[in-house]
Amino acid sequence: DVLSETRRRIEESGIDSQASVRAQGDAIVAFSDDM
């Protein structure tokens, strides 16, 4: 579940660097809403 949700967030956010990960307004690594 974490892998699926995290990959979805990576794709939707378009992160391409460490800096872009840290600049997000929310976690990139996460459980799905259902989980």
PDB file of all heavy atoms in Angstrom:
ATOM      1  N   ASP A   1       0.830  -1.203   0.000  1.00  0.00           N
ATOM      2  CA  ASP A   1       0.000   0.000   0.000  1.00  0.00           C
ATOM      3  C   ASP A   1       0.867   1.256   0.000  1.00  0.00           C
ATOM      4  O   ASP A   1       0.600   2.213  -0.752  1.00  0.00           O
ATOM      5  CB  ASP A   1      -0.920  -0.007   1.223  1.00  0.00           C
ATOM      6  CG  ASP A   1      -1.839   1.190   1.262  1.00  0.00           C
ATOM      7  OD1 ASP A   1      -2.923   1.132   0.632  1.00  0.00           O
ATOM      8  OD2 ASP A   1      -1.485   2.201   1.915  1.00  0.00           O
ATOM      9  N   VAL A   2       1.906   1.284   0.844  1.00  0.00           N
ATOM     10  CA  VAL A   2       2.797   2.447   0.893  1.00  0.00           C
ATOM     11  C   VAL A   2       3.473   2.652  -0.458  1.00  0.00           C
ATOM     12  O   VAL A   2       3.563   3.783  -0.955  1.00  0.00           O
ATOM     13  CB  VAL A   2       3.852   2.280   2.012  1.00  0.00           C
ATOM     14  CG1 VAL A   2       4.939   3.356   1.892  1.00  0.00           C
ATOM     15  CG2 VAL A   2       3.195   2.363   3.385  1.00  0.00           C
ATOM     16  N   LEU A   3       3.937   1.581  -1.080  1.00  0.00           N
ATOM     17  CA  LEU A   3       4.606   1.715  -2.383  1.00  0.00           C
ATOM     18  C   LEU A   3       3.655   2.275  -3.431  1.00  0.00           C
ATOM     19  O   LEU A   3       4.023   3.169  -4.201  1.00  0.00           O
ATOM     20  CB  LEU A   3       5.152   0.357  -2.829  1.00  0.00           C
ATOM     21  CG  LEU A   3       6.382  -0.154  -2.080  1.00  0.00           C
ATOM     22  CD1 LEU A   3       6.736  -1.558  -2.547  1.00  0.00           C
ATOM     23  CD2 LEU A   3       7.563   0.786  -2.271  1.00  0.00           C
ATOM     24  N   SER A   4       2.446   1.760  -3.471  1.00  0.00           N
ATOM     25  CA  SER A   4       1.472   2.222  -4.461  1.00  0.00           C
ATOM     26  C   SER A   4       1.128   3.692  -4.251  1.00  0.00           C
ATOM     27  O   SER A   4       1.133   4.494  -5.206  1.00  0.00           O
ATOM     28  CB  SER A   4       0.210   1.363  -4.376  1.00  0.00           C
ATOM     29  OG  SER A   4      -0.779   1.833  -5.262  1.00  0.00           O
ATOM     30  N   GLU A   5       0.835   4.073  -3.009  1.00  0.00           N
ATOM     31  CA  GLU A   5       0.456   5.461  -2.722  1.00  0.00           C
ATOM     32  C   GLU A   5       1.630   6.411  -2.931  1.00  0.00           C
ATOM     33  O   GLU A   5       1.461   7.514  -3.464  1.00  0.00           O
ATOM     34  CB  GLU A   5      -0.049   5.575  -1.282  1.00  0.00           C
ATOM     35  CG  GLU A   5      -0.416   6.983  -0.839  1.00  0.00           C
ATOM     36  CD  GLU A   5      -1.593   7.582  -1.593  1.00  0.00           C
ATOM     37  OE1 GLU A   5      -2.330   6.815  -2.257  1.00  0.00           O
ATOM     38  OE2 GLU A   5      -1.794   8.811  -1.511  1.00  0.00           O
ATOM     39  N   THR A   6       2.826   6.002  -2.545  1.00  0.00           N
ATOM     40  CA  THR A   6       4.000   6.868  -2.699  1.00  0.00           C
ATOM     41  C   THR A   6       4.326   7.081  -4.174  1.00  0.00           C
ATOM     42  O   THR A   6       4.631   8.208  -4.598  1.00  0.00           O
ATOM     43  CB  THR A   6       5.205   6.255  -1.961  1.00  0.00           C
ATOM     44  OG1 THR A   6       4.885   6.127  -0.563  1.00  0.00           O
ATOM     45  CG2 THR A   6       6.440   7.128  -2.119  1.00  0.00           C
ATOM     46  N   ARG A   7       4.252   6.024  -4.962  1.00  0.00           N
ATOM     47  CA  ARG A   7       4.502   6.184  -6.398  1.00  0.00           C
ATOM     48  C   ARG A   7       3.478   7.111  -7.033  1.00  0.00           C
ATOM     49  O   ARG A   7       3.806   7.908  -7.923  1.00  0.00           O
ATOM     50  CB  ARG A   7       4.494   4.816  -7.078  1.00  0.00           C
ATOM     51  CG  ARG A   7       5.762   3.997  -6.787  1.00  0.00           C
ATOM     52  CD  ARG A   7       5.624   2.552  -7.190  1.00  0.00           C
ATOM     53  NE  ARG A   7       6.896   1.833  -7.025  1.00  0.00           N
ATOM     54  CZ  ARG A   7       6.993   0.542  -6.774  1.00  0.00           C
ATOM     55  NH1 ARG A   7       5.881  -0.202  -6.687  1.00  0.00           N
ATOM     56  NH2 ARG A   7       8.163  -0.028  -6.631  1.00  0.00           N
ATOM     57  N   ARG A   8       2.227   7.011  -6.588  1.00  0.00           N
ATOM     58  CA  ARG A   8       1.190   7.916  -7.105  1.00  0.00           C
ATOM     59  C   ARG A   8       1.531   9.362  -6.769  1.00  0.00           C
ATOM     60  O   ARG A   8       1.432  10.257  -7.629  1.00  0.00           O
ATOM     61  CB  ARG A   8      -0.167   7.541  -6.512  1.00  0.00           C
ATOM     62  CG  ARG A   8      -1.332   8.368  -7.057  1.00  0.00           C
ATOM     63  CD  ARG A   8      -2.621   8.090  -6.316  1.00  0.00           C
ATOM     64  NE  ARG A   8      -2.590   8.606  -4.941  1.00  0.00           N
ATOM     65  CZ  ARG A   8      -2.798   9.889  -4.623  1.00  0.00           C
ATOM     66  NH1 ARG A   8      -3.029  10.778  -5.577  1.00  0.00           N
ATOM     67  NH2 ARG A   8      -2.763  10.265  -3.359  1.00  0.00           N
ATOM     68  N   ARG A   9       1.958   9.604  -5.531  1.00  0.00           N
ATOM     69  CA  ARG A   9       2.279  10.974  -5.118  1.00  0.00           C
ATOM     70  C   ARG A   9       3.521  11.506  -5.825  1.00  0.00           C
ATOM     71  O   ARG A   9       3.584  12.696  -6.166  1.00  0.00           O
ATOM     72  CB  ARG A   9       2.478  11.024  -3.593  1.00  0.00           C
ATOM     73  CG  ARG A   9       1.208  10.757  -2.816  1.00  0.00           C
ATOM     74  CD  ARG A   9       1.387  10.993  -1.323  1.00  0.00           C
ATOM     75  NE  ARG A   9       0.133  10.734  -0.605  1.00  0.00           N
ATOM     76  CZ  ARG A   9      -0.171  11.254   0.585  1.00  0.00           C
ATOM     77  NH1 ARG A   9       0.696  12.057   1.199  1.00  0.00           N
ATOM     78  NH2 ARG A   9      -1.326  10.972   1.161  1.00  0.00           N
ATOM     79  N   ILE A  10       4.494  10.644  -6.053  1.00  0.00           N
ATOM     80  CA  ILE A  10       5.686  11.070  -6.794  1.00  0.00           C
ATOM     81  C   ILE A  10       5.310  11.505  -8.198  1.00  0.00           C
ATOM     82  O   ILE A  10       5.759  12.547  -8.707  1.00  0.00           O
ATOM     83  CB  ILE A  10       6.723   9.927  -6.829  1.00  0.00           C
ATOM     84  CG1 ILE A  10       7.352   9.727  -5.444  1.00  0.00           C
ATOM     85  CG2 ILE A  10       7.809  10.200  -7.872  1.00  0.00           C
ATOM     86  CD1 ILE A  10       8.223   8.488  -5.336  1.00  0.00           C
ATOM     87  N   GLU A  11       4.474  10.702  -8.847  1.00  0.00           N
ATOM     88  CA  GLU A  11       4.076  11.024 -10.219  1.00  0.00           C
ATOM     89  C   GLU A  11       3.248  12.301 -10.273  1.00  0.00           C
ATOM     90  O   GLU A  11       3.477  13.169 -11.131  1.00  0.00           O
ATOM     91  CB  GLU A  11       3.276   9.858 -10.801  1.00  0.00           C
ATOM     92  CG  GLU A  11       2.876  10.073 -12.249  1.00  0.00           C
ATOM     93  CD  GLU A  11       2.156   8.886 -12.852  1.00  0.00           C
ATOM     94  OE1 GLU A  11       2.046   7.839 -12.170  1.00  0.00           O
ATOM     95  OE2 GLU A  11       1.706   8.998 -14.008  1.00  0.00           O
ATOM     96  N   GLU A  12       2.296  12.455  -9.357  1.00  0.00           N
ATOM     97  CA  GLU A  12       1.417  13.626  -9.386  1.00  0.00           C
ATOM     98  C   GLU A  12       2.143  14.914  -8.997  1.00  0.00           C
ATOM     99  O   GLU A  12       1.838  15.985  -9.509  1.00  0.00           O
ATOM    100  CB  GLU A  12       0.221  13.401  -8.463  1.00  0.00           C
ATOM    101  CG  GLU A  12      -0.759  12.360  -8.986  1.00  0.00           C
ATOM    102  CD  GLU A  12      -2.006  12.259  -8.139  1.00  0.00           C
ATOM    103  OE1 GLU A  12      -2.101  12.976  -7.104  1.00  0.00           O
ATOM    104  OE2 GLU A  12      -2.900  11.467  -8.499  1.00  0.00           O
ATOM    105  N   SER A  13       3.109  14.809  -8.074  1.00  0.00           N
ATOM    106  CA  SER A  13       3.809  16.013  -7.617  1.00  0.00           C
ATOM    107  C   SER A  13       4.924  16.427  -8.556  1.00  0.00           C
ATOM    108  O   SER A  13       5.349  17.588  -8.562  1.00  0.00           O
ATOM    109  CB  SER A  13       4.392  15.786  -6.223  1.00  0.00           C
ATOM    110  OG  SER A  13       5.390  14.769  -6.269  1.00  0.00           O
ATOM    111  N   GLY A  14       5.415  15.477  -9.356  1.00  0.00           N
ATOM    112  CA  GLY A  14       6.483  15.790 -10.293  1.00  0.00           C
ATOM    113  C   GLY A  14       7.818  16.060  -9.633  1.00  0.00           C
ATOM    114  O   GLY A  14       8.674  16.742 -10.221  1.00  0.00           O
ATOM    115  N   ILE A  15       8.046  15.540  -8.435  1.00  0.00           N
ATOM    116  CA  ILE A  15       9.317  15.792  -7.763  1.00  0.00           C
ATOM    117  C   ILE A  15      10.463  15.209  -8.569  1.00  0.00           C
ATOM    118  O   ILE A  15      10.352  14.141  -9.164  1.00  0.00           O
ATOM    119  CB  ILE A  15       9.320  15.220  -6.326  1.00  0.00           C
ATOM    120  CG1 ILE A  15       9.121  13.705  -6.332  1.00  0.00           C
ATOM    121  CG2 ILE A  15       8.291  15.902  -5.460  1.00  0.00           C
ATOM    122  CD1 ILE A  15       9.373  13.054  -4.991  1.00  0.00           C
ATOM    123  N   ASP A  16      11.576  15.954  -8.609  1.00  0.00           N
ATOM    124  CA  ASP A  16      12.719  15.501  -9.404  1.00  0.00           C
ATOM    125  C   ASP A  16      14.050  15.762  -8.702  1.00  0.00           C
ATOM    126  O   ASP A  16      15.108  15.696  -9.328  1.00  0.00           O
ATOM    127  CB  ASP A  16      12.718  16.177 -10.776  1.00  0.00           C
ATOM    128  CG  ASP A  16      12.727  17.703 -10.681  1.00  0.00           C
ATOM    129  OD1 ASP A  16      12.788  18.239  -9.542  1.00  0.00           O
ATOM    130  OD2 ASP A  16      12.670  18.365 -11.730  1.00  0.00           O
ATOM    131  N   SER A  17      13.992  16.062  -7.387  1.00  0.00           N
ATOM    132  CA  SER A  17      15.219  16.346  -6.648  1.00  0.00           C
ATOM    133  C   SER A  17      14.943  16.247  -5.151  1.00  0.00           C
ATOM    134  O   SER A  17      13.781  16.256  -4.717  1.00  0.00           O
ATOM    135  CB  SER A  17      15.733  17.748  -6.974  1.00  0.00           C
ATOM    136  OG  SER A  17      14.818  18.733  -6.484  1.00  0.00           O
ATOM    137  N   GLN A  18      16.012  16.175  -4.362  1.00  0.00           N
ATOM    138  CA  GLN A  18      15.851  16.231  -2.909  1.00  0.00           C
ATOM    139  C   GLN A  18      15.148  17.508  -2.496  1.00  0.00           C
ATOM    140  O   GLN A  18      14.272  17.506  -1.617  1.00  0.00           O
ATOM    141  CB  GLN A  18      17.225  16.189  -2.223  1.00  0.00           C
ATOM    142  CG  GLN A  18      17.983  14.906  -2.323  1.00  0.00           C
ATOM    143  CD  GLN A  18      19.280  15.014  -1.537  1.00  0.00           C
ATOM    144  OE1 GLN A  18      19.286  15.370  -0.366  1.00  0.00           O
ATOM    145  NE2 GLN A  18      20.390  14.713  -2.201  1.00  0.00           N
ATOM    146  N   ALA A  19      15.543  18.610  -3.103  1.00  0.00           N
ATOM    147  CA  ALA A  19      14.964  19.907  -2.729  1.00  0.00           C
ATOM    148  C   ALA A  19      13.466  19.931  -2.962  1.00  0.00           C
ATOM    149  O   ALA A  19      12.705  20.492  -2.156  1.00  0.00           O
ATOM    150  CB  ALA A  19      15.646  21.023  -3.516  1.00  0.00           C
ATOM    151  N   SER A  20      13.007  19.324  -4.048  1.00  0.00           N
ATOM    152  CA  SER A  20      11.574  19.341  -4.333  1.00  0.00           C
ATOM    153  C   SER A  20      10.804  18.466  -3.353  1.00  0.00           C
ATOM    154  O   SER A  20       9.650  18.738  -3.033  1.00  0.00           O
ATOM    155  CB  SER A  20      11.298  18.915  -5.775  1.00  0.00           C
ATOM    156  OG  SER A  20      11.754  17.600  -6.026  1.00  0.00           O
ATOM    157  N   VAL A  21      11.429  17.401  -2.843  1.00  0.00           N
ATOM    158  CA  VAL A  21      10.801  16.584  -1.798  1.00  0.00           C
ATOM    159  C   VAL A  21      10.583  17.426  -0.552  1.00  0.00           C
ATOM    160  O   VAL A  21       9.506  17.437   0.052  1.00  0.00           O
ATOM    161  CB  VAL A  21      11.671  15.360  -1.462  1.00  0.00           C
ATOM    162  CG1 VAL A  21      11.121  14.629  -0.238  1.00  0.00           C
ATOM    163  CG2 VAL A  21      11.742  14.412  -2.642  1.00  0.00           C
ATOM    164  N   ARG A  22      11.622  18.164  -0.152  1.00  0.00           N
ATOM    165  CA  ARG A  22      11.550  18.951   1.090  1.00  0.00           C
ATOM    166  C   ARG A  22      10.619  20.150   0.960  1.00  0.00           C
ATOM    167  O   ARG A  22      10.111  20.657   1.956  1.00  0.00           O
ATOM    168  CB  ARG A  22      12.953  19.416   1.477  1.00  0.00           C
ATOM    169  CG  ARG A  22      13.875  18.252   1.858  1.00  0.00           C
ATOM    170  CD  ARG A  22      15.225  18.737   2.390  1.00  0.00           C
ATOM    171  NE  ARG A  22      15.999  17.610   2.887  1.00  0.00           N
ATOM    172  CZ  ARG A  22      16.866  16.919   2.160  1.00  0.00           C
ATOM    173  NH1 ARG A  22      17.061  17.256   0.889  1.00  0.00           N
ATOM    174  NH2 ARG A  22      17.519  15.898   2.686  1.00  0.00           N
ATOM    175  N   ALA A  23      10.377  20.586  -0.256  1.00  0.00           N
ATOM    176  CA  ALA A  23       9.520  21.757  -0.466  1.00  0.00           C
ATOM    177  C   ALA A  23       8.038  21.411  -0.531  1.00  0.00           C
ATOM    178  O   ALA A  23       7.191  22.308  -0.598  1.00  0.00           O
ATOM    179  CB  ALA A  23       9.940  22.471  -1.753  1.00  0.00           C
ATOM    180  N   GLN A  24       7.704  20.114  -0.501  1.00  0.00           N
ATOM    181  CA  GLN A  24       6.305  19.713  -0.588  1.00  0.00           C
ATOM    182  C   GLN A  24       5.525  20.166   0.651  1.00  0.00           C
ATOM    183  O   GLN A  24       6.079  20.298   1.736  1.00  0.00           O
ATOM    184  CB  GLN A  24       6.203  18.191  -0.714  1.00  0.00           C
ATOM    185  CG  GLN A  24       6.785  17.621  -1.984  1.00  0.00           C
ATOM    186  CD  GLN A  24       6.095  18.129  -3.239  1.00  0.00           C
ATOM    187  OE1 GLN A  24       4.883  18.037  -3.369  1.00  0.00           O
ATOM    188  NE2 GLN A  24       6.875  18.687  -4.148  1.00  0.00           N
ATOM    189  N   GLY A  25       4.235  20.354   0.478  1.00  0.00           N
ATOM    190  CA  GLY A  25       3.388  20.734   1.598  1.00  0.00           C
ATOM    191  C   GLY A  25       2.872  19.555   2.384  1.00  0.00           C
ATOM    192  O   GLY A  25       2.138  19.725   3.373  1.00  0.00           O
ATOM    193  N   ASP A  26       3.216  18.354   1.961  1.00  0.00           N
ATOM    194  CA  ASP A  26       2.758  17.144   2.635  1.00  0.00           C
ATOM    195  C   ASP A  26       3.799  16.044   2.411  1.00  0.00           C
ATOM    196  O   ASP A  26       4.718  16.198   1.597  1.00  0.00           O
ATOM    197  CB  ASP A  26       1.396  16.707   2.059  1.00  0.00           C
ATOM    198  CG  ASP A  26       0.638  15.769   2.998  1.00  0.00           C
ATOM    199  OD1 ASP A  26       1.202  15.423   4.062  1.00  0.00           O
ATOM    200  OD2 ASP A  26      -0.486  15.372   2.667  1.00  0.00           O
ATOM    201  N   ALA A  27       3.636  14.942   3.130  1.00  0.00           N
ATOM    202  CA  ALA A  27       4.552  13.817   2.963  1.00  0.00           C
ATOM    203  C   ALA A  27       4.396  13.203   1.582  1.00  0.00           C
ATOM    204  O   ALA A  27       3.298  13.178   1.011  1.00  0.00           O
ATOM    205  CB  ALA A  27       4.287  12.764   4.038  1.00  0.00           C
ATOM    206  N   ILE A  28       5.492  12.705   1.053  1.00  0.00           N
ATOM    207  CA  ILE A  28       5.471  11.946  -0.196  1.00  0.00           C
ATOM    208  C   ILE A  28       5.250  10.469   0.097  1.00  0.00           C
ATOM    209  O   ILE A  28       4.539   9.771  -0.630  1.00  0.00           O
ATOM    210  CB  ILE A  28       6.786  12.151  -0.975  1.00  0.00           C
ATOM    211  CG1 ILE A  28       6.863  13.586  -1.524  1.00  0.00           C
ATOM    212  CG2 ILE A  28       6.914  11.150  -2.119  1.00  0.00           C
ATOM    213  CD1 ILE A  28       5.832  13.910  -2.587  1.00  0.00           C
ATOM    214  N   VAL A  29       5.847   9.980   1.163  1.00  0.00           N
ATOM    215  CA  VAL A  29       5.713   8.576   1.556  1.00  0.00           C
ATOM    216  C   VAL A  29       4.532   8.462   2.512  1.00  0.00           C
ATOM    217  O   VAL A  29       4.521   9.082   3.580  1.00  0.00           O
ATOM    218  CB  VAL A  29       6.997   8.060   2.241  1.00  0.00           C
ATOM    219  CG1 VAL A  29       6.870   6.581   2.577  1.00  0.00           C
ATOM    220  CG2 VAL A  29       8.211   8.312   1.354  1.00  0.00           C
ATOM    221  N   ALA A  30       3.515   7.683   2.128  1.00  0.00           N
ATOM    222  CA  ALA A  30       2.287   7.661   2.925  1.00  0.00           C
ATOM    223  C   ALA A  30       1.465   6.414   2.628  1.00  0.00           C
ATOM    224  O   ALA A  30       1.657   5.746   1.603  1.00  0.00           O
ATOM    225  CB  ALA A  30       1.446   8.900   2.625  1.00  0.00           C
ATOM    226  N   PHE A  31       0.541   6.116   3.546  1.00  0.00           N
ATOM    227  CA  PHE A  31      -0.488   5.114   3.299  1.00  0.00           C
ATOM    228  C   PHE A  31      -1.596   5.736   2.452  1.00  0.00           C
ATOM    229  O   PHE A  31      -1.800   6.964   2.461  1.00  0.00           O
ATOM    230  CB  PHE A  31      -1.098   4.632   4.612  1.00  0.00           C
ATOM    231  CG  PHE A  31      -0.184   3.828   5.492  1.00  0.00           C
ATOM    232  CD1 PHE A  31       0.211   4.308   6.726  1.00  0.00           C
ATOM    233  CD2 PHE A  31       0.270   2.575   5.086  1.00  0.00           C
ATOM    234  CE1 PHE A  31       1.047   3.571   7.553  1.00  0.00           C
ATOM    235  CE2 PHE A  31       1.106   1.826   5.900  1.00  0.00           C
ATOM    236  CZ  PHE A  31       1.499   2.323   7.133  1.00  0.00           C
ATOM    237  N   SER A  32      -2.344   4.894   1.759  1.00  0.00           N
ATOM    238  CA  SER A  32      -3.538   5.364   1.063  1.00  0.00           C
ATOM    239  C   SER A  32      -4.597   5.774   2.074  1.00  0.00           C
ATOM    240  O   SER A  32      -4.522   5.413   3.261  1.00  0.00           O
ATOM    241  CB  SER A  32      -4.087   4.258   0.159  1.00  0.00           C
ATOM    242  OG  SER A  32      -4.571   3.179   0.965  1.00  0.00           O
ATOM    243  N   ASP A  33      -5.594   6.508   1.642  1.00  0.00           N
ATOM    244  CA  ASP A  33      -6.676   6.910   2.546  1.00  0.00           C
ATOM    245  C   ASP A  33      -7.388   5.691   3.114  1.00  0.00           C
ATOM    246  O   ASP A  33      -7.762   5.668   4.292  1.00  0.00           O
ATOM    247  CB  ASP A  33      -7.690   7.794   1.799  1.00  0.00           C
ATOM    248  CG  ASP A  33      -7.134   9.175   1.484  1.00  0.00           C
ATOM    249  OD1 ASP A  33      -6.110   9.564   2.085  1.00  0.00           O
ATOM    250  OD2 ASP A  33      -7.714   9.862   0.618  1.00  0.00           O
ATOM    251  N   ASP A  34      -7.601   4.676   2.278  1.00  0.00           N
ATOM    252  CA  ASP A  34      -8.288   3.473   2.738  1.00  0.00           C
ATOM    253  C   ASP A  34      -7.474   2.758   3.818  1.00  0.00           C
ATOM    254  O   ASP A  34      -8.014   2.359   4.860  1.00  0.00           O
ATOM    255  CB  ASP A  34      -8.524   2.524   1.559  1.00  0.00           C
ATOM    256  CG  ASP A  34      -9.177   1.219   2.004  1.00  0.00           C
ATOM    257  OD1 ASP A  34     -10.320   1.264   2.493  1.00  0.00           O
ATOM    258  OD2 ASP A  34      -8.521   0.157   1.864  1.00  0.00           O
ATOM    259  N   MET A  35      -6.173   2.603   3.605  1.00  0.00           N
ATOM    260  CA  MET A  35      -5.333   1.949   4.606  1.00  0.00           C
ATOM    261  C   MET A  35      -5.251   2.790   5.881  1.00  0.00           C
ATOM    262  O   MET A  35      -5.273   2.249   6.992  1.00  0.00           O
ATOM    263  CB  MET A  35      -3.937   1.695   4.042  1.00  0.00           C
ATOM    264  CG  MET A  35      -3.002   0.971   5.007  1.00  0.00           C
ATOM    265  SD  MET A  35      -3.560  -0.693   5.478  1.00  0.00           S
ATOM    266  CE  MET A  35      -3.173  -1.620   3.979  1.00  0.00           C
TER     267      MET A  35
END
